[in-house]
Amino acid sequence: LLHDPAWAIEEIKRFRAEGVRLAMVAPAPVDGKPLSDPTFDPVWAAFSDEGVAPVFHVSEFESPLHPAWRTGEQEDGEQLFDSIFLYLAPAVALANLILNGVLERFPRLRIGVVELTASWVPHFLLHIDGASDFYALRHGEPFRKLAERPSTYFLRQVRVAALPYEMPNRLVPKVGGDTFMIGSDWPHAEGVADPMREAERAVKGLAEPARGNILGANAAWLLGL
């Protein structure tokens, strides 16, 4: 979608006119440029203005892992090491967007992360703030001047789908109830056979509004409903 920004802007407008509220974007550099490159600011503006949310999802995008780490893989398609580190691509992409001010410049931009796991979020938030603080101490100034803590932009503008086995009821106490959405990957073979039952188990013990947020409200927010 981002290889041709002008075309992407027109597509986003067309999506919204036809009632589409989500568009998949790869969490990877585009033609050697990071997602925070100013070239793409008009695209993020279009997503924001049109109320269409870019979503990072499993797809064919450049792996963030060096090929040497995948030596011995038996197939060209889905890679074992990429599956282990599914979270790495969206984590790097979001750090790039946050630390370079894209989410600050476009506060109405909503971003989804789907089927790329969710259990990484608490330690990501810890480290994006911690590393930013350390950088500022070492250099005497921040990487980029932001009005808020880096984690604040994530919590405000990103929603992440959690598979039931990740037990989002254990993640909410670490992050809060506004970040996670329930996901199942049903009916894929690697998905959850009984998504409704597993979803109820995954939110067991959570009080409202966190329970309702995970089961639907956070997804509705991402969709702009």
Foldseek 3Di string as FASTA:
>chain_A
DPLPQVVLLVVLLVCLVVPAAEDEDELAAHPPHACQPPSNLVNLVSNLVSNHAYEHEDDDDDQPDDVVVQPPFDDDPDGPVCLVQLVPSVLVNLLVCLLSCVCVVRVSHAYEYEPSADLCVLVSLVVSQVVQVVVCVVVVHGPDDDPDRSSVSCLRHYAYEHELVSLCLVVCVRRHQQHYAHDFPPPDPPGDPDRVVSLCVSNPPDDPPSSVNRDPVNVCVSSVD
